[in-house]
Amino acid sequence: MTLKDKVAVITGASGAIGEATAHRMAEAGARVVVGYNSKAEHAEAVAEGLVGDGHRAMRIPMLETDGIRAAAAAVDAAYGRCDVLVNSAGFTRMVAHHDLEALDDALIDAIFAANVRGPFATIRAFAPLLKRSGSGVIVNISSIAAITGTGSNIAYGASKAALDTMSLSLARVLGPEVRVMTVSPAAVDTAFVPGRTTAMVEKVAATTPLKRVVQADEVAQAVMAAVVNLTSTTGWIIPVDGGKLVG
């Protein structure tokens, strides 16, 4: 898997999946932009810990279109190119599905803004650079919750379903210069969902055919496969779910 001379931008790269993806891409030879929203110190540490050189941390505020466009311009100024964009940033909270009142309007709006509008705004800003690459790839990190209707709350699954559909549309309009793929993990043992414990993740994993928790690096491996190996594939969803969809 080689990404030599390529530039990869990863949003949410201070999170577990984004960080694992950054390491995988750096090991493959890419120069990595470690995107973050508020965790600047951790993002800097991630960038410094990557093998190779040319990496940097950069604020990519998912809810601020002007800031996203400024980040795209900064990548163009620094590198003159962007070959890979991974949208790993997102937001959710634990709300029991039966508790409809707890899923209030403000939380619904925040979830859809972060998980749908943010990735779209980022793709829109980076599309000219990705098209210029001639073989650009976008990978959106979704969730099996989009298909199963499970997950941290009802709005979260719905937002990821919207991301899946949006990815199909973008694959159609951005080709042939840019491929668009979606990677959909089941519950990953990370701190992404506030209030979700390891025991809760293990309980879900026990219901799958593989009966083990999905690790962040396994999601990163799927991202790498989408970027490097599946060169004739676009608009497709890759599950990383321990077989949950068939179990």
C-alpha atoms as a PDB file:
ATOM      1  CA  MET A   1       0.000   0.000   0.000  1.00  0.00           C
ATOM      2  CA  THR A   2       1.842   3.079  -1.180  1.00  0.00           C
ATOM      3  CA  LEU A   3       0.774   6.706  -0.969  1.00  0.00           C
ATOM      4  CA  LYS A   4       4.197   8.113  -1.719  1.00  0.00           C
ATOM      5  CA  ASP A   5       4.084  11.776  -2.763  1.00  0.00           C
ATOM      6  CA  LYS A   6       0.367  11.968  -1.887  1.00  0.00           C
ATOM      7  CA  VAL A   7      -1.264  14.381   0.548  1.00  0.00           C
ATOM      8  CA  ALA A   8      -4.034  13.138   2.837  1.00  0.00           C
ATOM      9  CA  VAL A   9      -6.340  15.377   4.841  1.00  0.00           C
ATOM     10  CA  ILE A  10      -8.122  13.713   7.756  1.00  0.00           C
ATOM     11  CA  THR A  11     -10.814  15.527   9.721  1.00  0.00           C
ATOM     12  CA  GLY A  12     -11.348  14.433  13.295  1.00  0.00           C
ATOM     13  CA  ALA A  13      -7.810  13.068  13.307  1.00  0.00           C
ATOM     14  CA  SER A  14      -7.452  13.668  17.030  1.00  0.00           C
ATOM     15  CA  GLY A  15     -10.080  10.943  17.547  1.00  0.00           C
ATOM     16  CA  ALA A  16      -9.253   7.228  17.662  1.00  0.00           C
ATOM     17  CA  ILE A  17     -10.311   6.287  14.116  1.00  0.00           C
ATOM     18  CA  GLY A  18      -8.850   9.441  12.590  1.00  0.00           C
ATOM     19  CA  GLU A  19      -5.577   8.969  14.452  1.00  0.00           C
ATOM     20  CA  ALA A  20      -5.291   5.313  13.432  1.00  0.00           C
ATOM     21  CA  THR A  21      -5.953   6.332   9.823  1.00  0.00           C
ATOM     22  CA  ALA A  22      -3.295   9.048  10.023  1.00  0.00           C
ATOM     23  CA  HIS A  23      -0.708   6.491  11.156  1.00  0.00           C
ATOM     24  CA  ARG A  24      -1.665   4.058   8.397  1.00  0.00           C
ATOM     25  CA  MET A  25      -1.424   6.736   5.706  1.00  0.00           C
ATOM     26  CA  ALA A  26       1.873   8.103   6.981  1.00  0.00           C
ATOM     27  CA  GLU A  27       3.301   4.581   7.011  1.00  0.00           C
ATOM     28  CA  ALA A  28       2.214   4.270   3.374  1.00  0.00           C
ATOM     29  CA  GLY A  29       4.224   7.395   2.502  1.00  0.00           C
ATOM     30  CA  ALA A  30       1.598  10.130   2.546  1.00  0.00           C
ATOM     31  CA  ARG A  31       2.062  13.576   4.007  1.00  0.00           C
ATOM     32  CA  VAL A  32      -0.827  13.887   6.446  1.00  0.00           C
ATOM     33  CA  VAL A  33      -2.833  16.910   7.531  1.00  0.00           C
ATOM     34  CA  VAL A  34      -4.152  16.073  10.992  1.00  0.00           C
ATOM     35  CA  GLY A  35      -7.427  17.951  11.100  1.00  0.00           C
ATOM     36  CA  TYR A  36      -9.011  18.923  14.398  1.00  0.00           C
ATOM     37  CA  ASN A  37     -11.736  21.169  15.745  1.00  0.00           C
ATOM     38  CA  SER A  38     -10.744  21.962  19.327  1.00  0.00           C
ATOM     39  CA  LYS A  39      -8.095  19.465  20.470  1.00  0.00           C
ATOM     40  CA  ALA A  40      -5.106  21.336  19.088  1.00  0.00           C
ATOM     41  CA  GLU A  41      -2.572  19.935  21.535  1.00  0.00           C
ATOM     42  CA  HIS A  42      -3.529  16.341  20.862  1.00  0.00           C
ATOM     43  CA  ALA A  43      -3.572  16.921  17.103  1.00  0.00           C
ATOM     44  CA  GLU A  44      -0.054  18.362  17.268  1.00  0.00           C
ATOM     45  CA  ALA A  45       1.076  15.281  19.190  1.00  0.00           C
ATOM     46  CA  VAL A  46      -0.495  12.996  16.579  1.00  0.00           C
ATOM     47  CA  ALA A  47       1.260  14.849  13.750  1.00  0.00           C
ATOM     48  CA  GLU A  48       4.593  14.720  15.555  1.00  0.00           C
ATOM     49  CA  GLY A  49       4.197  10.996  16.177  1.00  0.00           C
ATOM     50  CA  LEU A  50       3.712  10.050  12.525  1.00  0.00           C
ATOM     51  CA  VAL A  51       6.531   8.391  10.591  1.00  0.00           C
ATOM     52  CA  GLY A  52       8.039  10.346   7.715  1.00  0.00           C
ATOM     53  CA  ASP A  53       7.881  14.090   7.307  1.00  0.00           C
ATOM     54  CA  GLY A  54       5.691  16.855   5.917  1.00  0.00           C
ATOM     55  CA  HIS A  55       2.856  16.264   8.396  1.00  0.00           C
ATOM     56  CA  ARG A  56       1.045  19.054  10.193  1.00  0.00           C
ATOM     57  CA  ALA A  57      -1.925  19.677  12.446  1.00  0.00           C
ATOM     58  CA  MET A  58      -4.565  22.041  11.100  1.00  0.00           C
ATOM     59  CA  ARG A  59      -7.847  23.314  12.476  1.00  0.00           C
ATOM     60  CA  ILE A  60     -10.738  22.284  10.231  1.00  0.00           C
ATOM     61  CA  PRO A  61     -13.896  23.511  12.015  1.00  0.00           C
ATOM     62  CA  MET A  62     -16.707  21.279  10.789  1.00  0.00           C
ATOM     63  CA  LEU A  63     -19.425  23.818  11.597  1.00  0.00           C
ATOM     64  CA  GLU A  64     -17.724  26.864  10.048  1.00  0.00           C
ATOM     65  CA  THR A  65     -17.776  26.930   6.265  1.00  0.00           C
ATOM     66  CA  ASP A  66     -15.422  29.907   6.036  1.00  0.00           C
ATOM     67  CA  GLY A  67     -12.945  28.109   8.297  1.00  0.00           C
ATOM     68  CA  ILE A  68     -13.165  24.949   6.189  1.00  0.00           C
ATOM     69  CA  ARG A  69     -12.511  26.933   3.015  1.00  0.00           C
ATOM     70  CA  ALA A  70      -9.570  28.621   4.732  1.00  0.00           C
ATOM     71  CA  ALA A  71      -8.169  25.190   5.617  1.00  0.00           C
ATOM     72  CA  ALA A  72      -8.480  24.042   1.989  1.00  0.00           C
ATOM     73  CA  ALA A  73      -6.638  27.178   0.876  1.00  0.00           C
ATOM     74  CA  ALA A  74      -3.940  26.532   3.486  1.00  0.00           C
ATOM     75  CA  VAL A  75      -3.468  22.961   2.230  1.00  0.00           C
ATOM     76  CA  ASP A  76      -3.175  24.266  -1.324  1.00  0.00           C
ATOM     77  CA  ALA A  77      -0.617  26.873  -0.242  1.00  0.00           C
ATOM     78  CA  ALA A  78       1.439  24.389   1.783  1.00  0.00           C
ATOM     79  CA  TYR A  79       1.333  21.342  -0.491  1.00  0.00           C
ATOM     80  CA  GLY A  80      -0.205  22.390  -3.797  1.00  0.00           C
ATOM     81  CA  ARG A  81      -2.391  19.298  -3.780  1.00  0.00           C
ATOM     82  CA  CYS A  82      -4.813  17.064  -1.894  1.00  0.00           C
ATOM     83  CA  ASP A  83      -5.185  13.454  -3.002  1.00  0.00           C
ATOM     84  CA  VAL A  84      -7.154  11.916  -0.143  1.00  0.00           C
ATOM     85  CA  LEU A  85      -9.848  13.354   2.121  1.00  0.00           C
ATOM     86  CA  VAL A  86     -11.104  11.311   5.054  1.00  0.00           C
ATOM     87  CA  ASN A  87     -14.121  12.717   6.884  1.00  0.00           C
ATOM     88  CA  SER A  88     -13.752  11.166  10.323  1.00  0.00           C
ATOM     89  CA  ALA A  89     -15.118  14.014  12.446  1.00  0.00           C
ATOM     90  CA  GLY A  90     -18.565  13.575  13.936  1.00  0.00           C
ATOM     91  CA  PHE A  91     -20.770  14.076  16.960  1.00  0.00           C
ATOM     92  CA  THR A  92     -23.335  12.175  19.019  1.00  0.00           C
ATOM     93  CA  ARG A  93     -24.647  11.594  22.524  1.00  0.00           C
ATOM     94  CA  MET A  94     -26.245   8.619  24.231  1.00  0.00           C
ATOM     95  CA  VAL A  95     -30.040   8.905  24.229  1.00  0.00           C
ATOM     96  CA  ALA A  96     -32.233   5.849  24.737  1.00  0.00           C
ATOM     97  CA  HIS A  97     -34.265   5.253  21.585  1.00  0.00           C
ATOM     98  CA  HIS A  98     -37.546   5.038  23.508  1.00  0.00           C
ATOM     99  CA  ASP A  99     -36.979   8.442  25.165  1.00  0.00           C
ATOM    100  CA  LEU A 100     -38.292  10.670  22.401  1.00  0.00           C
ATOM    101  CA  GLU A 101     -38.436  13.783  24.568  1.00  0.00           C
ATOM    102  CA  ALA A 102     -34.736  13.540  25.469  1.00  0.00           C
ATOM    103  CA  LEU A 103     -33.855  13.831  21.787  1.00  0.00           C
ATOM    104  CA  ASP A 104     -34.642  17.524  21.635  1.00  0.00           C
ATOM    105  CA  ASP A 105     -34.466  19.851  18.655  1.00  0.00           C
ATOM    106  CA  ALA A 106     -31.116  21.359  19.619  1.00  0.00           C
ATOM    107  CA  LEU A 107     -29.428  17.954  19.836  1.00  0.00           C
ATOM    108  CA  ILE A 108     -30.954  16.805  16.548  1.00  0.00           C
ATOM    109  CA  ASP A 109     -29.721  19.963  14.824  1.00  0.00           C
ATOM    110  CA  ALA A 110     -26.229  19.575  16.324  1.00  0.00           C
ATOM    111  CA  ILE A 111     -25.971  15.948  15.193  1.00  0.00           C
ATOM    112  CA  PHE A 112     -27.054  16.667  11.620  1.00  0.00           C
ATOM    113  CA  ALA A 113     -24.856  19.754  11.394  1.00  0.00           C
ATOM    114  CA  ALA A 114     -21.762  17.817  12.444  1.00  0.00           C
ATOM    115  CA  ASN A 115     -22.444  14.527  10.648  1.00  0.00           C
ATOM    116  CA  VAL A 116     -24.022  15.732   7.395  1.00  0.00           C
ATOM    117  CA  ARG A 117     -23.509  19.430   6.772  1.00  0.00           C
ATOM    118  CA  GLY A 118     -19.906  19.368   8.012  1.00  0.00           C
ATOM    119  CA  PRO A 119     -18.682  16.558   5.749  1.00  0.00           C
ATOM    120  CA  PHE A 120     -20.507  18.079   2.770  1.00  0.00           C
ATOM    121  CA  ALA A 121     -19.004  21.507   3.400  1.00  0.00           C
ATOM    122  CA  THR A 122     -15.563  19.933   3.693  1.00  0.00           C
ATOM    123  CA  ILE A 123     -15.949  17.995   0.456  1.00  0.00           C
ATOM    124  CA  ARG A 124     -17.262  21.103  -1.289  1.00  0.00           C
ATOM    125  CA  ALA A 125     -14.202  23.090  -0.170  1.00  0.00           C
ATOM    126  CA  PHE A 126     -11.638  20.423  -1.050  1.00  0.00           C
ATOM    127  CA  ALA A 127     -13.253  19.214  -4.297  1.00  0.00           C
ATOM    128  CA  PRO A 128     -11.187  21.472  -6.598  1.00  0.00           C
ATOM    129  CA  LEU A 129      -7.935  20.174  -5.082  1.00  0.00           C
ATOM    130  CA  LEU A 130      -9.106  16.556  -5.239  1.00  0.00           C
ATOM    131  CA  LYS A 131     -10.178  16.943  -8.878  1.00  0.00           C
ATOM    132  CA  ARG A 132      -6.814  18.477  -9.698  1.00  0.00           C
ATOM    133  CA  SER A 133      -5.170  15.322  -8.339  1.00  0.00           C
ATOM    134  CA  GLY A 134      -6.837  13.315 -11.109  1.00  0.00           C
ATOM    135  CA  SER A 135      -7.119  10.285  -8.847  1.00  0.00           C
ATOM    136  CA  GLY A 136      -8.571  11.813  -5.700  1.00  0.00           C
ATOM    137  CA  VAL A 137     -10.374   9.721  -3.101  1.00  0.00           C
ATOM    138  CA  ILE A 138     -12.889  10.722  -0.435  1.00  0.00           C
ATOM    139  CA  VAL A 139     -13.709   8.318   2.386  1.00  0.00           C
ATOM    140  CA  ASN A 140     -16.586   9.202   4.688  1.00  0.00           C
ATOM    141  CA  ILE A 141     -16.747   7.439   8.047  1.00  0.00           C
ATOM    142  CA  SER A 142     -20.347   6.411   8.578  1.00  0.00           C
ATOM    143  CA  SER A 143     -21.880   3.777  10.859  1.00  0.00           C
ATOM    144  CA  ILE A 144     -23.750   0.504  10.650  1.00  0.00           C
ATOM    145  CA  ALA A 145     -26.411   2.378  12.627  1.00  0.00           C
ATOM    146  CA  ALA A 146     -27.396   3.966   9.304  1.00  0.00           C
ATOM    147  CA  ILE A 147     -28.590   0.560   8.102  1.00  0.00           C
ATOM    148  CA  THR A 148     -29.735  -1.123  11.316  1.00  0.00           C
ATOM    149  CA  GLY A 149     -31.439   1.869  12.956  1.00  0.00           C
ATOM    150  CA  THR A 150     -29.520   1.210  16.155  1.00  0.00           C
ATOM    151  CA  GLY A 151     -26.688   3.269  17.644  1.00  0.00           C
ATOM    152  CA  SER A 152     -26.292   5.966  20.274  1.00  0.00           C
ATOM    153  CA  ASN A 153     -29.613   7.623  19.426  1.00  0.00           C
ATOM    154  CA  ILE A 154     -32.212   7.736  16.653  1.00  0.00           C
ATOM    155  CA  ALA A 155     -30.927  10.978  15.123  1.00  0.00           C
ATOM    156  CA  TYR A 156     -27.366   9.639  14.932  1.00  0.00           C
ATOM    157  CA  GLY A 157     -28.393   6.660  12.778  1.00  0.00           C
ATOM    158  CA  ALA A 158     -30.501   8.960  10.613  1.00  0.00           C
ATOM    159  CA  SER A 159     -27.600  11.377  10.153  1.00  0.00           C
ATOM    160  CA  LYS A 160     -25.311   8.552   9.046  1.00  0.00           C
ATOM    161  CA  ALA A 161     -27.965   7.307   6.620  1.00  0.00           C
ATOM    162  CA  ALA A 162     -27.993  10.815   5.157  1.00  0.00           C
ATOM    163  CA  LEU A 163     -24.198  10.677   4.880  1.00  0.00           C
ATOM    164  CA  ASP A 164     -24.426   7.352   3.025  1.00  0.00           C
ATOM    165  CA  THR A 165     -26.934   8.740   0.523  1.00  0.00           C
ATOM    166  CA  MET A 166     -24.928  11.928   0.093  1.00  0.00           C
ATOM    167  CA  SER A 167     -21.844   9.826  -0.651  1.00  0.00           C
ATOM    168  CA  LEU A 168     -23.686   8.037  -3.463  1.00  0.00           C
ATOM    169  CA  SER A 169     -24.665  11.349  -5.032  1.00  0.00           C
ATOM    170  CA  LEU A 170     -21.134  12.728  -4.704  1.00  0.00           C
ATOM    171  CA  ALA A 171     -19.636   9.613  -6.287  1.00  0.00           C
ATOM    172  CA  ARG A 172     -21.814  10.271  -9.295  1.00  0.00           C
ATOM    173  CA  VAL A 173     -21.005  13.968  -9.707  1.00  0.00           C
ATOM    174  CA  LEU A 174     -17.300  13.964  -8.767  1.00  0.00           C
ATOM    175  CA  GLY A 175     -16.241  11.114 -11.043  1.00  0.00           C
ATOM    176  CA  PRO A 176     -14.153  10.319 -12.947  1.00  0.00           C
ATOM    177  CA  GLU A 177     -11.481  12.433 -11.226  1.00  0.00           C
ATOM    178  CA  VAL A 178     -12.579  11.612  -7.666  1.00  0.00           C
ATOM    179  CA  ARG A 179     -13.835   8.380  -6.101  1.00  0.00           C
ATOM    180  CA  VAL A 180     -16.117   8.520  -3.062  1.00  0.00           C
ATOM    181  CA  MET A 181     -16.346   5.632  -0.605  1.00  0.00           C
ATOM    182  CA  THR A 182     -17.976   5.073   2.773  1.00  0.00           C
ATOM    183  CA  VAL A 183     -16.622   2.963   5.624  1.00  0.00           C
ATOM    184  CA  SER A 184     -19.254   1.884   8.140  1.00  0.00           C
ATOM    185  CA  PRO A 185     -18.042   0.465  11.446  1.00  0.00           C
ATOM    186  CA  ALA A 186     -20.141  -1.094  14.160  1.00  0.00           C
ATOM    187  CA  ALA A 187     -19.518   0.032  17.729  1.00  0.00           C
ATOM    188  CA  VAL A 188     -15.790   0.690  18.067  1.00  0.00           C
ATOM    189  CA  ASP A 189     -14.171   0.702  21.497  1.00  0.00           C
ATOM    190  CA  THR A 190     -13.306   4.400  21.577  1.00  0.00           C
ATOM    191  CA  ALA A 191     -14.291   7.448  23.621  1.00  0.00           C
ATOM    192  CA  PHE A 192     -16.332   8.861  20.711  1.00  0.00           C
ATOM    193  CA  VAL A 193     -19.715   8.365  22.392  1.00  0.00           C
ATOM    194  CA  PRO A 194     -19.876  10.096  25.803  1.00  0.00           C
ATOM    195  CA  GLY A 195     -21.247   7.723  28.411  1.00  0.00           C
ATOM    196  CA  ARG A 196     -20.732   4.546  26.397  1.00  0.00           C
ATOM    197  CA  THR A 197     -18.672   1.992  28.298  1.00  0.00           C
ATOM    198  CA  THR A 198     -16.427  -0.810  27.080  1.00  0.00           C
ATOM    199  CA  ALA A 199     -18.914  -3.266  28.577  1.00  0.00           C
ATOM    200  CA  MET A 200     -21.687  -1.808  26.410  1.00  0.00           C
ATOM    201  CA  VAL A 201     -19.553  -2.172  23.280  1.00  0.00           C
ATOM    202  CA  GLU A 202     -18.639  -5.744  24.207  1.00  0.00           C
ATOM    203  CA  LYS A 203     -22.315  -6.609  24.690  1.00  0.00           C
ATOM    204  CA  VAL A 204     -23.089  -5.453  21.155  1.00  0.00           C
ATOM    205  CA  ALA A 205     -20.048  -7.274  19.753  1.00  0.00           C
ATOM    206  CA  ALA A 206     -21.173 -10.514  21.401  1.00  0.00           C
ATOM    207  CA  THR A 207     -24.253 -10.543  19.155  1.00  0.00           C
ATOM    208  CA  THR A 208     -22.180 -10.572  15.952  1.00  0.00           C
ATOM    209  CA  PRO A 209     -20.800 -13.630  14.124  1.00  0.00           C
ATOM    210  CA  LEU A 210     -17.189 -12.683  14.949  1.00  0.00           C
ATOM    211  CA  LYS A 211     -18.101 -11.921  18.588  1.00  0.00           C
ATOM    212  CA  ARG A 212     -15.364  -9.369  19.158  1.00  0.00           C
ATOM    213  CA  VAL A 213     -15.100  -5.610  19.370  1.00  0.00           C
ATOM    214  CA  VAL A 214     -14.064  -3.700  16.261  1.00  0.00           C
ATOM    215  CA  GLN A 215     -10.801  -1.820  16.819  1.00  0.00           C
ATOM    216  CA  ALA A 216     -10.017   1.640  15.473  1.00  0.00           C
ATOM    217  CA  ASP A 217      -7.085   0.324  13.448  1.00  0.00           C
ATOM    218  CA  GLU A 218      -9.376  -2.162  11.694  1.00  0.00           C
ATOM    219  CA  VAL A 219     -11.480   0.773  10.507  1.00  0.00           C
ATOM    220  CA  ALA A 220      -8.271   2.484   9.358  1.00  0.00           C
ATOM    221  CA  GLN A 221      -7.324  -0.637   7.400  1.00  0.00           C
ATOM    222  CA  ALA A 222     -10.672  -0.477   5.585  1.00  0.00           C
ATOM    223  CA  VAL A 223     -10.034   3.179   4.757  1.00  0.00           C
ATOM    224  CA  MET A 224      -6.650   2.217   3.322  1.00  0.00           C
ATOM    225  CA  ALA A 225      -8.238  -0.530   1.235  1.00  0.00           C
ATOM    226  CA  ALA A 226     -10.757   1.953  -0.173  1.00  0.00           C
ATOM    227  CA  VAL A 227      -8.002   4.404  -1.066  1.00  0.00           C
ATOM    228  CA  VAL A 228      -5.278   2.099  -2.357  1.00  0.00           C
ATOM    229  CA  ASN A 229      -6.782  -1.231  -3.402  1.00  0.00           C
ATOM    230  CA  LEU A 230     -10.344  -0.642  -4.605  1.00  0.00           C
ATOM    231  CA  THR A 231      -9.309   1.577  -7.478  1.00  0.00           C
ATOM    232  CA  SER A 232     -12.292   0.687  -9.677  1.00  0.00           C
ATOM    233  CA  THR A 233     -14.861   1.131  -6.920  1.00  0.00           C
ATOM    234  CA  THR A 234     -16.828   4.255  -6.080  1.00  0.00           C
ATOM    235  CA  GLY A 235     -20.084   5.003  -4.298  1.00  0.00           C
ATOM    236  CA  TRP A 236     -19.890   1.858  -2.189  1.00  0.00           C
ATOM    237  CA  ILE A 237     -20.242   1.197   1.541  1.00  0.00           C
ATOM    238  CA  ILE A 238     -17.671  -1.015   3.260  1.00  0.00           C
ATOM    239  CA  PRO A 239     -18.946  -2.507   6.549  1.00  0.00           C
ATOM    240  CA  VAL A 240     -16.475  -3.081   9.381  1.00  0.00           C
ATOM    241  CA  ASP A 241     -18.941  -4.636  11.770  1.00  0.00           C
ATOM    242  CA  GLY A 242     -17.873  -8.128  12.798  1.00  0.00           C
ATOM    243  CA  GLY A 243     -20.708  -9.438  10.621  1.00  0.00           C
ATOM    244  CA  LYS A 244     -23.465  -7.526  12.417  1.00  0.00           C
ATOM    245  CA  LEU A 245     -25.438  -7.040   9.199  1.00  0.00           C
ATOM    246  CA  VAL A 246     -25.651 -10.788   8.646  1.00  0.00           C
ATOM    247  CA  GLY A 247     -25.682 -11.921  12.289  1.00  0.00           C
END
